């Protein structure tokens, strides 16, 4: 796949860390120039420097996807700088966790404002430009969009919505030349396990997700770029993630039994 994105302009939200950062570097290795958005500008600028060290151009554009005006302005800045957009990846997101009865309506709203409405705003403002280049749209969902896990209701629901949005977009975009790929990772190295329910990064937190099932962000970025290059409609990984998604879709009764009985420690 060497050079698969040569001459392309790629915009990634949540591009300052984790999968977003790894995707930026992978697309750069494949010949693309990058526009990176996020709330922490200093992190974005660090990634831009790494992209430039690979011989590609990069710009940092501060953007909170929960604010539609931020998204609209970010897209305008990308087009003003590069003159085009070939790939947009709606990657920004976080997870609200806790038991259903302990979570407030504000917790649910905060989750959906970022993971769903923010993703929709990203796609909506990018699409007019992607249509001009017959480009590619990537929506980062999760295996937990098809495999519900207790204690993660808002996150699971938000990622199920991402999958549905992607399916609708794939049909509505048919014939336009623009592809929509729903990306459903399993466990991948990122900051998500160190972000609290208000979306704040917690330096003192450790990631409690199972390390034995964890993929590196670099490996994740490599397969994501390949899936988007092939214009896959849906791409699920890791190996354990694929198994989980399969069980969630086809054996919900078994999943219920496993997580309500055998899953109790």
C-alpha atoms as a PDB file:
ATOM      1  CA  UNK A   1       0.000   0.000   0.000  1.00  0.00           C
ATOM      2  CA  UNK A   2       3.027   2.289  -0.194  1.00  0.00           C
ATOM      3  CA  UNK A   3       2.011   5.724  -1.490  1.00  0.00           C
ATOM      4  CA  UNK A   4      -1.687   4.870  -1.581  1.00  0.00           C
ATOM      5  CA  UNK A   5      -2.659   8.381  -0.463  1.00  0.00           C
ATOM      6  CA  UNK A   6      -0.003  10.368  -2.331  1.00  0.00           C
ATOM      7  CA  UNK A   7      -1.211  13.895  -3.014  1.00  0.00           C
ATOM      8  CA  UNK A   8      -4.312  13.505  -0.851  1.00  0.00           C
ATOM      9  CA  UNK A   9      -5.398  15.813   1.964  1.00  0.00           C
ATOM     10  CA  UNK A  10      -6.635  14.055   5.082  1.00  0.00           C
ATOM     11  CA  UNK A  11      -8.552  15.724   7.927  1.00  0.00           C
ATOM     12  CA  UNK A  12      -8.703  13.853  11.254  1.00  0.00           C
ATOM     13  CA  UNK A  13     -10.626  14.959  14.331  1.00  0.00           C
ATOM     14  CA  UNK A  14      -9.183  13.867  17.657  1.00  0.00           C
ATOM     15  CA  UNK A  15      -5.819  13.837  15.928  1.00  0.00           C
ATOM     16  CA  UNK A  16      -3.598  14.681  18.893  1.00  0.00           C
ATOM     17  CA  UNK A  17      -3.280  11.280  20.520  1.00  0.00           C
ATOM     18  CA  UNK A  18      -4.077   7.571  20.347  1.00  0.00           C
ATOM     19  CA  UNK A  19      -5.598   6.233  17.147  1.00  0.00           C
ATOM     20  CA  UNK A  20      -5.969   9.748  15.726  1.00  0.00           C
ATOM     21  CA  UNK A  21      -2.259  10.451  16.034  1.00  0.00           C
ATOM     22  CA  UNK A  22      -1.326   7.027  14.690  1.00  0.00           C
ATOM     23  CA  UNK A  23      -3.638   7.492  11.696  1.00  0.00           C
ATOM     24  CA  UNK A  24      -2.059  10.864  10.963  1.00  0.00           C
ATOM     25  CA  UNK A  25       1.407   9.316  10.831  1.00  0.00           C
ATOM     26  CA  UNK A  26       0.209   6.347   8.771  1.00  0.00           C
ATOM     27  CA  UNK A  27      -1.533   8.536   6.190  1.00  0.00           C
ATOM     28  CA  UNK A  28       1.633  10.688   6.047  1.00  0.00           C
ATOM     29  CA  UNK A  29       3.735   7.587   5.398  1.00  0.00           C
ATOM     30  CA  UNK A  30       1.305   6.811   2.563  1.00  0.00           C
ATOM     31  CA  UNK A  31       1.968  10.233   0.997  1.00  0.00           C
ATOM     32  CA  UNK A  32      -0.862  12.381   2.386  1.00  0.00           C
ATOM     33  CA  UNK A  33      -0.826  15.886   3.851  1.00  0.00           C
ATOM     34  CA  UNK A  34      -2.661  16.261   7.149  1.00  0.00           C
ATOM     35  CA  UNK A  35      -5.063  18.620   8.896  1.00  0.00           C
ATOM     36  CA  UNK A  36      -5.453  17.674  12.550  1.00  0.00           C
ATOM     37  CA  UNK A  37      -8.217  18.874  14.848  1.00  0.00           C
ATOM     38  CA  UNK A  38      -8.735  18.589  18.586  1.00  0.00           C
ATOM     39  CA  UNK A  39      -9.099  20.593  21.764  1.00  0.00           C
ATOM     40  CA  UNK A  40      -5.452  20.382  22.904  1.00  0.00           C
ATOM     41  CA  UNK A  41      -3.510  22.459  20.380  1.00  0.00           C
ATOM     42  CA  UNK A  42      -0.109  21.651  21.872  1.00  0.00           C
ATOM     43  CA  UNK A  43      -0.711  17.936  21.256  1.00  0.00           C
ATOM     44  CA  UNK A  44      -1.815  18.626  17.690  1.00  0.00           C
ATOM     45  CA  UNK A  45       1.286  20.688  17.002  1.00  0.00           C
ATOM     46  CA  UNK A  46       3.511  17.872  18.288  1.00  0.00           C
ATOM     47  CA  UNK A  47       1.879  15.448  15.867  1.00  0.00           C
ATOM     48  CA  UNK A  48       2.177  17.989  13.035  1.00  0.00           C
ATOM     49  CA  UNK A  49       5.921  18.158  13.689  1.00  0.00           C
ATOM     50  CA  UNK A  50       6.145  14.352  13.395  1.00  0.00           C
ATOM     51  CA  UNK A  51       4.169  14.448  10.136  1.00  0.00           C
ATOM     52  CA  UNK A  52       6.486  17.122   8.746  1.00  0.00           C
ATOM     53  CA  UNK A  53       9.486  15.018   9.731  1.00  0.00           C
ATOM     54  CA  UNK A  54       8.074  12.410   7.351  1.00  0.00           C
ATOM     55  CA  UNK A  55       8.207  14.978   4.547  1.00  0.00           C
ATOM     56  CA  UNK A  56       4.522  15.905   4.456  1.00  0.00           C
ATOM     57  CA  UNK A  57       2.631  19.106   5.250  1.00  0.00           C
ATOM     58  CA  UNK A  58       0.463  19.387   8.353  1.00  0.00           C
ATOM     59  CA  UNK A  59      -1.659  22.002  10.089  1.00  0.00           C
ATOM     60  CA  UNK A  60      -3.228  22.039  13.551  1.00  0.00           C
ATOM     61  CA  UNK A  61      -6.781  23.369  13.770  1.00  0.00           C
ATOM     62  CA  UNK A  62      -8.290  23.707  17.228  1.00  0.00           C
ATOM     63  CA  UNK A  63     -11.804  22.290  17.260  1.00  0.00           C
ATOM     64  CA  UNK A  64     -14.290  20.967  19.804  1.00  0.00           C
ATOM     65  CA  UNK A  65     -16.617  18.788  17.718  1.00  0.00           C
ATOM     66  CA  UNK A  66     -19.418  19.303  20.252  1.00  0.00           C
ATOM     67  CA  UNK A  67     -19.585  22.899  18.942  1.00  0.00           C
ATOM     68  CA  UNK A  68     -20.806  22.899  15.356  1.00  0.00           C
ATOM     69  CA  UNK A  69     -19.386  26.353  14.662  1.00  0.00           C
ATOM     70  CA  UNK A  70     -15.928  24.999  15.583  1.00  0.00           C
ATOM     71  CA  UNK A  71     -16.373  22.212  13.039  1.00  0.00           C
ATOM     72  CA  UNK A  72     -17.557  24.580  10.329  1.00  0.00           C
ATOM     73  CA  UNK A  73     -14.611  26.923  10.915  1.00  0.00           C
ATOM     74  CA  UNK A  74     -12.158  23.994  10.999  1.00  0.00           C
ATOM     75  CA  UNK A  75     -13.317  22.774   7.587  1.00  0.00           C
ATOM     76  CA  UNK A  76     -12.986  26.289   6.141  1.00  0.00           C
ATOM     77  CA  UNK A  77      -9.411  26.511   7.442  1.00  0.00           C
ATOM     78  CA  UNK A  78      -8.502  23.155   5.914  1.00  0.00           C
ATOM     79  CA  UNK A  79      -9.845  24.213   2.524  1.00  0.00           C
ATOM     80  CA  UNK A  80      -8.230  27.654   2.735  1.00  0.00           C
ATOM     81  CA  UNK A  81      -4.855  26.061   3.456  1.00  0.00           C
ATOM     82  CA  UNK A  82      -4.872  23.027   1.149  1.00  0.00           C
ATOM     83  CA  UNK A  83      -7.591  23.879  -1.369  1.00  0.00           C
ATOM     84  CA  UNK A  84      -9.167  20.447  -1.153  1.00  0.00           C
ATOM     85  CA  UNK A  85     -10.153  17.551   1.095  1.00  0.00           C
ATOM     86  CA  UNK A  86      -9.859  13.914   0.023  1.00  0.00           C
ATOM     87  CA  UNK A  87     -10.350  12.048   3.304  1.00  0.00           C
ATOM     88  CA  UNK A  88     -12.177  12.994   6.508  1.00  0.00           C
ATOM     89  CA  UNK A  89     -12.040  10.802   9.594  1.00  0.00           C
ATOM     90  CA  UNK A  90     -14.512  11.553  12.403  1.00  0.00           C
ATOM     91  CA  UNK A  91     -12.393  10.111  15.181  1.00  0.00           C
ATOM     92  CA  UNK A  92     -12.990  12.454  18.145  1.00  0.00           C
ATOM     93  CA  UNK A  93     -14.807  10.759  20.990  1.00  0.00           C
ATOM     94  CA  UNK A  94     -14.720   9.580  24.593  1.00  0.00           C
ATOM     95  CA  UNK A  95     -16.575   7.200  26.895  1.00  0.00           C
ATOM     96  CA  UNK A  96     -19.091   7.849  29.671  1.00  0.00           C
ATOM     97  CA  UNK A  97     -19.207   4.915  32.063  1.00  0.00           C
ATOM     98  CA  UNK A  98     -21.218   3.970  35.122  1.00  0.00           C
ATOM     99  CA  UNK A  99     -24.376   2.071  36.016  1.00  0.00           C
ATOM    100  CA  UNK A 100     -27.549   3.290  34.326  1.00  0.00           C
ATOM    101  CA  UNK A 101     -29.262   4.494  37.506  1.00  0.00           C
ATOM    102  CA  UNK A 102     -26.177   6.449  38.580  1.00  0.00           C
ATOM    103  CA  UNK A 103     -25.891   8.481  35.373  1.00  0.00           C
ATOM    104  CA  UNK A 104     -27.690  11.763  34.793  1.00  0.00           C
ATOM    105  CA  UNK A 105     -29.345  13.082  31.655  1.00  0.00           C
ATOM    106  CA  UNK A 106     -26.415  15.509  31.436  1.00  0.00           C
ATOM    107  CA  UNK A 107     -24.004  12.549  31.281  1.00  0.00           C
ATOM    108  CA  UNK A 108     -25.955  11.051  28.382  1.00  0.00           C
ATOM    109  CA  UNK A 109     -26.198  14.388  26.593  1.00  0.00           C
ATOM    110  CA  UNK A 110     -22.457  15.000  26.936  1.00  0.00           C
ATOM    111  CA  UNK A 111     -21.753  11.562  25.476  1.00  0.00           C
ATOM    112  CA  UNK A 112     -24.030  12.044  22.486  1.00  0.00           C
ATOM    113  CA  UNK A 113     -22.962  15.649  21.873  1.00  0.00           C
ATOM    114  CA  UNK A 114     -19.424  14.435  21.145  1.00  0.00           C
ATOM    115  CA  UNK A 115     -19.722  10.870  19.859  1.00  0.00           C
ATOM    116  CA  UNK A 116     -22.849  11.315  17.750  1.00  0.00           C
ATOM    117  CA  UNK A 117     -23.686  14.976  17.083  1.00  0.00           C
ATOM    118  CA  UNK A 118     -20.001  15.883  16.796  1.00  0.00           C
ATOM    119  CA  UNK A 119     -19.466  13.044  14.344  1.00  0.00           C
ATOM    120  CA  UNK A 120     -22.529  14.083  12.343  1.00  0.00           C
ATOM    121  CA  UNK A 121     -21.310  17.696  12.192  1.00  0.00           C
ATOM    122  CA  UNK A 122     -17.885  16.512  11.045  1.00  0.00           C
ATOM    123  CA  UNK A 123     -19.376  14.429   8.246  1.00  0.00           C
ATOM    124  CA  UNK A 124     -21.931  17.046   7.214  1.00  0.00           C
ATOM    125  CA  UNK A 125     -19.424  19.869   6.812  1.00  0.00           C
ATOM    126  CA  UNK A 126     -16.822  17.662   5.130  1.00  0.00           C
ATOM    127  CA  UNK A 127     -19.131  16.048   2.572  1.00  0.00           C
ATOM    128  CA  UNK A 128     -19.464  18.967   0.112  1.00  0.00           C
ATOM    129  CA  UNK A 129     -15.688  18.951  -0.273  1.00  0.00           C
ATOM    130  CA  UNK A 130     -15.383  15.156  -0.384  1.00  0.00           C
ATOM    131  CA  UNK A 131     -17.918  15.086  -3.209  1.00  0.00           C
ATOM    132  CA  UNK A 132     -15.630  17.346  -5.264  1.00  0.00           C
ATOM    133  CA  UNK A 133     -12.778  14.835  -4.930  1.00  0.00           C
ATOM    134  CA  UNK A 134     -14.842  11.610  -4.810  1.00  0.00           C
ATOM    135  CA  UNK A 135     -13.199  11.144  -1.447  1.00  0.00           C
ATOM    136  CA  UNK A 136     -13.483   8.919   1.565  1.00  0.00           C
ATOM    137  CA  UNK A 137     -15.311   9.430   4.871  1.00  0.00           C
ATOM    138  CA  UNK A 138     -14.369   7.415   7.958  1.00  0.00           C
ATOM    139  CA  UNK A 139     -16.570   7.180  11.059  1.00  0.00           C
ATOM    140  CA  UNK A 140     -14.868   5.721  14.124  1.00  0.00           C
ATOM    141  CA  UNK A 141     -17.300   3.550  16.020  1.00  0.00           C
ATOM    142  CA  UNK A 142     -16.493   0.630  18.296  1.00  0.00           C
ATOM    143  CA  UNK A 143     -17.069  -3.081  18.737  1.00  0.00           C
ATOM    144  CA  UNK A 144     -19.159  -1.944  21.708  1.00  0.00           C
ATOM    145  CA  UNK A 145     -21.631  -0.552  19.201  1.00  0.00           C
ATOM    146  CA  UNK A 146     -22.680  -4.151  18.505  1.00  0.00           C
ATOM    147  CA  UNK A 147     -21.593  -5.802  21.775  1.00  0.00           C
ATOM    148  CA  UNK A 148     -23.257  -4.054  24.716  1.00  0.00           C
ATOM    149  CA  UNK A 149     -21.400  -4.192  28.027  1.00  0.00           C
ATOM    150  CA  UNK A 150     -22.929  -3.333  31.426  1.00  0.00           C
ATOM    151  CA  UNK A 151     -21.575  -0.166  32.991  1.00  0.00           C
ATOM    152  CA  UNK A 152     -21.043   1.437  29.584  1.00  0.00           C
ATOM    153  CA  UNK A 153     -24.569   2.234  28.429  1.00  0.00           C
ATOM    154  CA  UNK A 154     -23.986   5.735  27.008  1.00  0.00           C
ATOM    155  CA  UNK A 155     -20.838   4.729  25.139  1.00  0.00           C
ATOM    156  CA  UNK A 156     -22.402   1.568  23.676  1.00  0.00           C
ATOM    157  CA  UNK A 157     -25.520   3.470  22.605  1.00  0.00           C
ATOM    158  CA  UNK A 158     -23.464   6.247  21.002  1.00  0.00           C
ATOM    159  CA  UNK A 159     -21.380   3.794  19.003  1.00  0.00           C
ATOM    160  CA  UNK A 160     -24.481   1.849  17.920  1.00  0.00           C
ATOM    161  CA  UNK A 161     -25.747   5.175  16.576  1.00  0.00           C
ATOM    162  CA  UNK A 162     -22.461   5.677  14.689  1.00  0.00           C
ATOM    163  CA  UNK A 163     -22.948   2.329  12.966  1.00  0.00           C
ATOM    164  CA  UNK A 164     -26.494   3.202  11.937  1.00  0.00           C
ATOM    165  CA  UNK A 165     -25.413   6.622  10.671  1.00  0.00           C
ATOM    166  CA  UNK A 166     -22.685   4.990   8.605  1.00  0.00           C
ATOM    167  CA  UNK A 167     -25.097   2.508   7.061  1.00  0.00           C
ATOM    168  CA  UNK A 168     -27.497   5.298   6.098  1.00  0.00           C
ATOM    169  CA  UNK A 169     -24.691   7.432   4.664  1.00  0.00           C
ATOM    170  CA  UNK A 170     -23.324   4.549   2.593  1.00  0.00           C
ATOM    171  CA  UNK A 171     -26.713   4.222   0.928  1.00  0.00           C
ATOM    172  CA  UNK A 172     -27.349   7.950   0.532  1.00  0.00           C
ATOM    173  CA  UNK A 173     -23.871   8.532  -0.907  1.00  0.00           C
ATOM    174  CA  UNK A 174     -24.173   5.702  -3.429  1.00  0.00           C
ATOM    175  CA  UNK A 175     -23.415   7.051  -6.871  1.00  0.00           C
ATOM    176  CA  UNK A 176     -21.646  10.198  -5.633  1.00  0.00           C
ATOM    177  CA  UNK A 177     -18.171   8.664  -5.671  1.00  0.00           C
ATOM    178  CA  UNK A 178     -17.810   9.215  -1.917  1.00  0.00           C
ATOM    179  CA  UNK A 179     -17.384   6.140   0.269  1.00  0.00           C
ATOM    180  CA  UNK A 180     -18.254   5.859   3.961  1.00  0.00           C
ATOM    181  CA  UNK A 181     -16.350   3.410   6.154  1.00  0.00           C
ATOM    182  CA  UNK A 182     -17.533   2.604   9.676  1.00  0.00           C
ATOM    183  CA  UNK A 183     -14.456   1.636  11.692  1.00  0.00           C
ATOM    184  CA  UNK A 184     -15.141  -0.605  14.693  1.00  0.00           C
ATOM    185  CA  UNK A 185     -12.010  -1.199  16.800  1.00  0.00           C
ATOM    186  CA  UNK A 186     -11.671  -3.600  19.668  1.00  0.00           C
ATOM    187  CA  UNK A 187      -9.122  -2.722  22.355  1.00  0.00           C
ATOM    188  CA  UNK A 188      -6.494  -0.307  21.001  1.00  0.00           C
ATOM    189  CA  UNK A 189      -3.901   1.768  22.859  1.00  0.00           C
ATOM    190  CA  UNK A 190      -5.349   5.240  23.388  1.00  0.00           C
ATOM    191  CA  UNK A 191      -6.220   7.813  26.032  1.00  0.00           C
ATOM    192  CA  UNK A 192      -9.870   6.757  26.244  1.00  0.00           C
ATOM    193  CA  UNK A 193      -9.336   4.820  29.473  1.00  0.00           C
ATOM    194  CA  UNK A 194      -7.878   7.954  31.077  1.00  0.00           C
ATOM    195  CA  UNK A 195     -10.715  10.352  30.238  1.00  0.00           C
ATOM    196  CA  UNK A 196     -13.458  10.967  32.786  1.00  0.00           C
ATOM    197  CA  UNK A 197     -17.198  11.262  32.213  1.00  0.00           C
ATOM    198  CA  UNK A 198     -16.864  14.986  31.530  1.00  0.00           C
ATOM    199  CA  UNK A 199     -14.337  14.440  28.765  1.00  0.00           C
ATOM    200  CA  UNK A 200     -11.333  15.573  30.804  1.00  0.00           C
ATOM    201  CA  UNK A 201      -7.989  13.785  30.457  1.00  0.00           C
ATOM    202  CA  UNK A 202      -6.811  12.437  33.822  1.00  0.00           C
ATOM    203  CA  UNK A 203      -3.040  12.181  34.015  1.00  0.00           C
ATOM    204  CA  UNK A 204      -3.253  10.232  37.278  1.00  0.00           C
ATOM    205  CA  UNK A 205      -5.544   7.504  35.903  1.00  0.00           C
ATOM    206  CA  UNK A 206      -4.319   4.182  34.548  1.00  0.00           C
ATOM    207  CA  UNK A 207      -5.965   2.375  31.646  1.00  0.00           C
ATOM    208  CA  UNK A 208      -7.852  -0.585  33.119  1.00  0.00           C
ATOM    209  CA  UNK A 209      -8.676  -2.258  29.807  1.00  0.00           C
ATOM    210  CA  UNK A 210      -7.223  -5.781  29.321  1.00  0.00           C
ATOM    211  CA  UNK A 211      -3.665  -5.404  28.054  1.00  0.00           C
ATOM    212  CA  UNK A 212      -3.568  -8.962  26.699  1.00  0.00           C
ATOM    213  CA  UNK A 213      -6.177  -8.021  24.075  1.00  0.00           C
ATOM    214  CA  UNK A 214      -4.721  -4.604  23.231  1.00  0.00           C
ATOM    215  CA  UNK A 215      -3.459  -3.649  19.781  1.00  0.00           C
ATOM    216  CA  UNK A 216      -0.914  -0.901  19.301  1.00  0.00           C
ATOM    217  CA  UNK A 217      -2.264   2.321  17.803  1.00  0.00           C
ATOM    218  CA  UNK A 218       0.266   1.980  14.973  1.00  0.00           C
ATOM    219  CA  UNK A 219      -1.075  -1.445  13.962  1.00  0.00           C
ATOM    220  CA  UNK A 220      -4.635  -0.140  14.200  1.00  0.00           C
ATOM    221  CA  UNK A 221      -3.832   2.836  11.964  1.00  0.00           C
ATOM    222  CA  UNK A 222      -2.241   0.598   9.356  1.00  0.00           C
ATOM    223  CA  UNK A 223      -5.351  -1.596   8.935  1.00  0.00           C
ATOM    224  CA  UNK A 224      -7.714   1.400   9.109  1.00  0.00           C
ATOM    225  CA  UNK A 225      -5.867   3.149   6.273  1.00  0.00           C
ATOM    226  CA  UNK A 226      -6.033  -0.038   4.215  1.00  0.00           C
ATOM    227  CA  UNK A 227      -9.782  -0.428   4.833  1.00  0.00           C
ATOM    228  CA  UNK A 228     -10.439   3.176   3.838  1.00  0.00           C
ATOM    229  CA  UNK A 229      -8.289   2.848   0.748  1.00  0.00           C
ATOM    230  CA  UNK A 230     -10.391  -0.161  -0.273  1.00  0.00           C
ATOM    231  CA  UNK A 231     -13.545   1.824   0.520  1.00  0.00           C
ATOM    232  CA  UNK A 232     -14.886  -0.829   2.880  1.00  0.00           C
ATOM    233  CA  UNK A 233     -18.354  -0.035   4.228  1.00  0.00           C
ATOM    234  CA  UNK A 234     -17.608  -1.542   7.624  1.00  0.00           C
ATOM    235  CA  UNK A 235     -14.343  -2.698   9.117  1.00  0.00           C
ATOM    236  CA  UNK A 236     -14.081  -4.453  12.483  1.00  0.00           C
ATOM    237  CA  UNK A 237     -10.862  -5.388  14.248  1.00  0.00           C
ATOM    238  CA  UNK A 238      -8.993  -6.701  16.396  1.00  0.00           C
ATOM    239  CA  UNK A 239      -9.289 -10.514  16.379  1.00  0.00           C
ATOM    240  CA  UNK A 240     -11.005 -10.445  19.781  1.00  0.00           C
ATOM    241  CA  UNK A 241     -13.051  -7.488  18.570  1.00  0.00           C
ATOM    242  CA  UNK A 242     -14.322  -9.443  15.581  1.00  0.00           C
ATOM    243  CA  UNK A 243     -15.306 -12.328  17.838  1.00  0.00           C
ATOM    244  CA  UNK A 244     -17.086  -9.978  20.228  1.00  0.00           C
ATOM    245  CA  UNK A 245     -18.972  -8.290  17.388  1.00  0.00           C
ATOM    246  CA  UNK A 246     -19.973 -11.672  15.964  1.00  0.00           C
ATOM    247  CA  UNK A 247     -21.311 -12.823  19.332  1.00  0.00           C
ATOM    248  CA  UNK A 248     -23.089  -9.514  19.943  1.00  0.00           C
ATOM    249  CA  UNK A 249     -24.862  -9.646  16.594  1.00  0.00           C
ATOM    250  CA  UNK A 250     -25.725 -13.334  16.366  1.00  0.00           C
ATOM    251  CA  UNK A 251     -25.826 -14.730  19.917  1.00  0.00           C
ATOM    252  CA  UNK A 252     -27.300 -12.003  22.159  1.00  0.00           C
ATOM    253  CA  UNK A 253     -28.718 -14.569  24.590  1.00  0.00           C
ATOM    254  CA  UNK A 254     -25.284 -16.096  25.121  1.00  0.00           C
ATOM    255  CA  UNK A 255     -23.757 -12.645  25.638  1.00  0.00           C
ATOM    256  CA  UNK A 256     -26.460 -11.833  28.210  1.00  0.00           C
ATOM    257  CA  UNK A 257     -25.733 -15.083  30.064  1.00  0.00           C
ATOM    258  CA  UNK A 258     -21.977 -14.570  29.963  1.00  0.00           C
ATOM    259  CA  UNK A 259     -22.045 -10.968  31.173  1.00  0.00           C
ATOM    260  CA  UNK A 260     -24.706 -11.385  33.859  1.00  0.00           C
ATOM    261  CA  UNK A 261     -23.500 -14.660  35.353  1.00  0.00           C
ATOM    262  CA  UNK A 262     -19.984 -15.618  34.344  1.00  0.00           C
ATOM    263  CA  UNK A 263     -18.843 -11.993  34.086  1.00  0.00           C
ATOM    264  CA  UNK A 264     -19.347 -11.249  37.756  1.00  0.00           C
ATOM    265  CA  UNK A 265     -16.102 -11.274  39.672  1.00  0.00           C
END
